């Protein structure tokens, strides 16, 4: 296995975890306290980080 492709896989897994965490924070907060905005901001940051990491992993795969 190519080391660059291994790093891309690791980055992709972390990106997936960030996306899942952001969506879970949003869903759990929406069901328990819909009036609070702070958890949704955190969820937005986690989703943005997850998307960024997925894009980075895709670019690493293209270069490799």
N, C-alpha and C. Protein backbone atom coordinates (compact mmCIF):
# COMPACT_ATOMS: atom_id res chain seq x y z
N UNK A 1 0.85 -1.17 0.00
CA UNK A 1 0.00 0.00 0.00
C UNK A 1 0.89 1.24 0.00
N UNK A 2 0.58 2.17 -0.85
CA UNK A 2 1.32 3.40 -0.98
C UNK A 2 1.12 4.26 0.28
N UNK A 3 2.21 4.82 0.87
CA UNK A 3 2.03 5.65 2.08
C UNK A 3 1.13 6.86 1.86
N UNK A 4 1.17 7.46 0.67
CA UNK A 4 0.31 8.61 0.39
C UNK A 4 -1.16 8.20 0.38
N UNK A 5 -1.43 7.03 -0.16
CA UNK A 5 -2.81 6.57 -0.18
C UNK A 5 -3.29 6.17 1.21
N UNK A 6 -2.37 5.69 2.05
CA UNK A 6 -2.72 5.39 3.45
C UNK A 6 -3.08 6.65 4.21
N UNK A 7 -2.31 7.72 3.96
CA UNK A 7 -2.62 9.00 4.62
C UNK A 7 -3.96 9.54 4.14
N UNK A 8 -4.24 9.40 2.85
CA UNK A 8 -5.51 9.87 2.31
C UNK A 8 -6.67 9.10 2.94
N UNK A 9 -6.48 7.81 3.14
CA UNK A 9 -7.54 7.01 3.77
C UNK A 9 -7.77 7.45 5.21
N UNK A 10 -6.68 7.75 5.92
CA UNK A 10 -6.81 8.21 7.30
C UNK A 10 -7.52 9.55 7.36
N UNK A 11 -7.15 10.45 6.47
CA UNK A 11 -7.80 11.78 6.43
C UNK A 11 -9.27 11.63 6.09
N UNK A 12 -9.58 10.71 5.16
CA UNK A 12 -10.98 10.48 4.78
C UNK A 12 -11.79 9.94 5.97
N UNK A 13 -11.20 9.04 6.74
CA UNK A 13 -11.90 8.47 7.90
C UNK A 13 -12.15 9.56 8.94
N UNK A 14 -11.16 10.40 9.19
CA UNK A 14 -11.34 11.50 10.16
C UNK A 14 -12.40 12.47 9.65
N UNK A 15 -12.40 12.74 8.34
CA UNK A 15 -13.44 13.60 7.76
C UNK A 15 -14.83 13.03 7.92
N UNK A 16 -14.94 11.72 7.71
CA UNK A 16 -16.24 11.06 7.92
C UNK A 16 -16.69 11.16 9.37
N UNK A 17 -15.75 10.98 10.29
CA UNK A 17 -16.08 11.07 11.71
C UNK A 17 -16.53 12.48 12.07
N UNK A 18 -15.87 13.50 11.52
CA UNK A 18 -16.27 14.89 11.79
C UNK A 18 -17.65 15.18 11.22
N UNK A 19 -17.91 14.69 10.01
CA UNK A 19 -19.25 14.87 9.43
C UNK A 19 -20.32 14.20 10.28
N UNK A 20 -20.07 12.97 10.66
CA UNK A 20 -21.03 12.24 11.48
C UNK A 20 -21.24 12.93 12.83
N UNK A 21 -20.15 13.38 13.45
CA UNK A 21 -20.26 14.08 14.73
C UNK A 21 -21.07 15.36 14.61
N UNK A 22 -20.83 16.12 13.55
CA UNK A 22 -21.58 17.36 13.35
C UNK A 22 -23.06 17.10 13.14
N UNK A 23 -23.37 16.10 12.34
CA UNK A 23 -24.78 15.79 12.11
C UNK A 23 -25.45 15.26 13.38
N UNK A 24 -24.73 14.46 14.16
CA UNK A 24 -25.30 13.96 15.41
C UNK A 24 -25.53 15.09 16.41
N UNK A 25 -24.59 16.00 16.52
CA UNK A 25 -24.77 17.15 17.42
C UNK A 25 -25.99 17.94 17.01
N UNK A 26 -26.16 18.16 15.72
CA UNK A 26 -27.30 18.93 15.23
C UNK A 26 -28.62 18.22 15.53
N UNK A 27 -28.68 16.94 15.25
CA UNK A 27 -29.94 16.19 15.46
C UNK A 27 -30.28 16.08 16.94
N UNK A 28 -29.29 15.78 17.76
CA UNK A 28 -29.55 15.65 19.20
C UNK A 28 -29.97 16.98 19.80
N UNK A 29 -29.33 18.05 19.39
CA UNK A 29 -29.68 19.37 19.92
C UNK A 29 -31.06 19.81 19.44
N UNK A 30 -31.37 19.52 18.18
CA UNK A 30 -32.67 19.91 17.64
C UNK A 30 -33.80 19.20 18.38
N UNK A 31 -33.58 17.95 18.75
CA UNK A 31 -34.64 17.22 19.43
C UNK A 31 -34.78 17.60 20.90
N UNK A 32 -33.69 18.10 21.52
CA UNK A 32 -33.77 18.40 22.94
C UNK A 32 -34.03 19.88 23.23
N UNK A 33 -33.36 20.81 22.50
CA UNK A 33 -33.51 22.24 22.77
C UNK A 33 -33.40 23.02 21.46
N UNK A 34 -34.53 23.24 20.77
CA UNK A 34 -34.46 23.90 19.46
C UNK A 34 -34.12 25.39 19.53
N UNK A 35 -34.17 26.03 20.68
CA UNK A 35 -33.95 27.46 20.76
C UNK A 35 -32.50 27.87 20.86
N UNK A 36 -31.60 26.97 21.19
CA UNK A 36 -30.20 27.30 21.40
C UNK A 36 -29.42 27.21 20.09
N UNK A 37 -28.61 28.24 19.80
CA UNK A 37 -27.87 28.28 18.54
C UNK A 37 -26.44 27.77 18.67
N UNK A 38 -25.87 27.79 19.88
CA UNK A 38 -24.46 27.44 20.03
C UNK A 38 -24.12 26.02 19.57
N UNK A 39 -24.91 25.01 19.92
CA UNK A 39 -24.58 23.66 19.43
C UNK A 39 -24.65 23.55 17.91
N UNK A 40 -25.55 24.32 17.30
CA UNK A 40 -25.65 24.26 15.84
C UNK A 40 -24.44 24.91 15.19
N UNK A 41 -23.86 25.92 15.84
CA UNK A 41 -22.63 26.51 15.33
C UNK A 41 -21.51 25.48 15.40
N UNK A 42 -21.41 24.77 16.51
CA UNK A 42 -20.42 23.70 16.65
C UNK A 42 -20.64 22.64 15.58
N UNK A 43 -21.88 22.26 15.36
CA UNK A 43 -22.19 21.26 14.34
C UNK A 43 -21.79 21.75 12.96
N UNK A 44 -22.02 23.02 12.69
CA UNK A 44 -21.62 23.59 11.40
C UNK A 44 -20.12 23.56 11.21
N UNK A 45 -19.36 23.88 12.27
CA UNK A 45 -17.91 23.81 12.18
C UNK A 45 -17.45 22.37 11.94
N UNK A 46 -18.04 21.42 12.62
CA UNK A 46 -17.65 20.02 12.44
C UNK A 46 -17.96 19.54 11.01
N UNK A 47 -19.09 19.93 10.49
CA UNK A 47 -19.44 19.54 9.12
C UNK A 47 -18.49 20.19 8.13
N UNK A 48 -18.17 21.47 8.33
CA UNK A 48 -17.24 22.15 7.43
C UNK A 48 -15.85 21.51 7.48
N UNK A 49 -15.39 21.16 8.67
CA UNK A 49 -14.10 20.48 8.80
C UNK A 49 -14.14 19.13 8.10
N UNK A 50 -15.23 18.40 8.28
CA UNK A 50 -15.36 17.09 7.64
C UNK A 50 -15.35 17.19 6.13
N UNK A 51 -16.04 18.17 5.58
CA UNK A 51 -16.05 18.36 4.12
C UNK A 51 -14.66 18.75 3.63
N UNK A 52 -13.99 19.62 4.37
CA UNK A 52 -12.64 20.02 4.00
C UNK A 52 -11.67 18.86 4.00
N UNK A 53 -11.77 18.01 5.00
CA UNK A 53 -10.89 16.84 5.06
C UNK A 53 -11.19 15.86 3.94
N UNK A 54 -12.45 15.70 3.59
CA UNK A 54 -12.81 14.82 2.47
C UNK A 54 -12.24 15.35 1.16
N UNK A 55 -12.31 16.68 0.97
CA UNK A 55 -11.76 17.28 -0.24
C UNK A 55 -10.24 17.10 -0.27
N UNK A 56 -9.59 17.31 0.88
CA UNK A 56 -8.14 17.11 0.94
C UNK A 56 -7.76 15.67 0.60
N UNK A 57 -8.51 14.71 1.10
CA UNK A 57 -8.23 13.30 0.81
C UNK A 57 -8.42 13.02 -0.69
N UNK A 58 -9.43 13.62 -1.30
CA UNK A 58 -9.65 13.42 -2.73
C UNK A 58 -8.49 14.01 -3.54
N UNK A 59 -8.01 15.18 -3.14
CA UNK A 59 -6.88 15.78 -3.84
C UNK A 59 -5.60 14.97 -3.66
N UNK A 60 -5.42 14.38 -2.49
CA UNK A 60 -4.25 13.52 -2.28
C UNK A 60 -4.32 12.29 -3.17
N UNK A 61 -5.52 11.74 -3.34
CA UNK A 61 -5.67 10.58 -4.21
C UNK A 61 -5.39 10.94 -5.67
N UNK A 62 -5.77 12.14 -6.08
CA UNK A 62 -5.50 12.55 -7.46
C UNK A 62 -4.01 12.71 -7.71
N UNK A 63 -3.28 13.21 -6.72
CA UNK A 63 -1.83 13.40 -6.88
C UNK A 63 -1.07 12.09 -6.85
N UNK A 64 -1.61 11.12 -6.14
CA UNK A 64 -0.89 9.84 -5.97
C UNK A 64 -1.04 8.92 -7.15
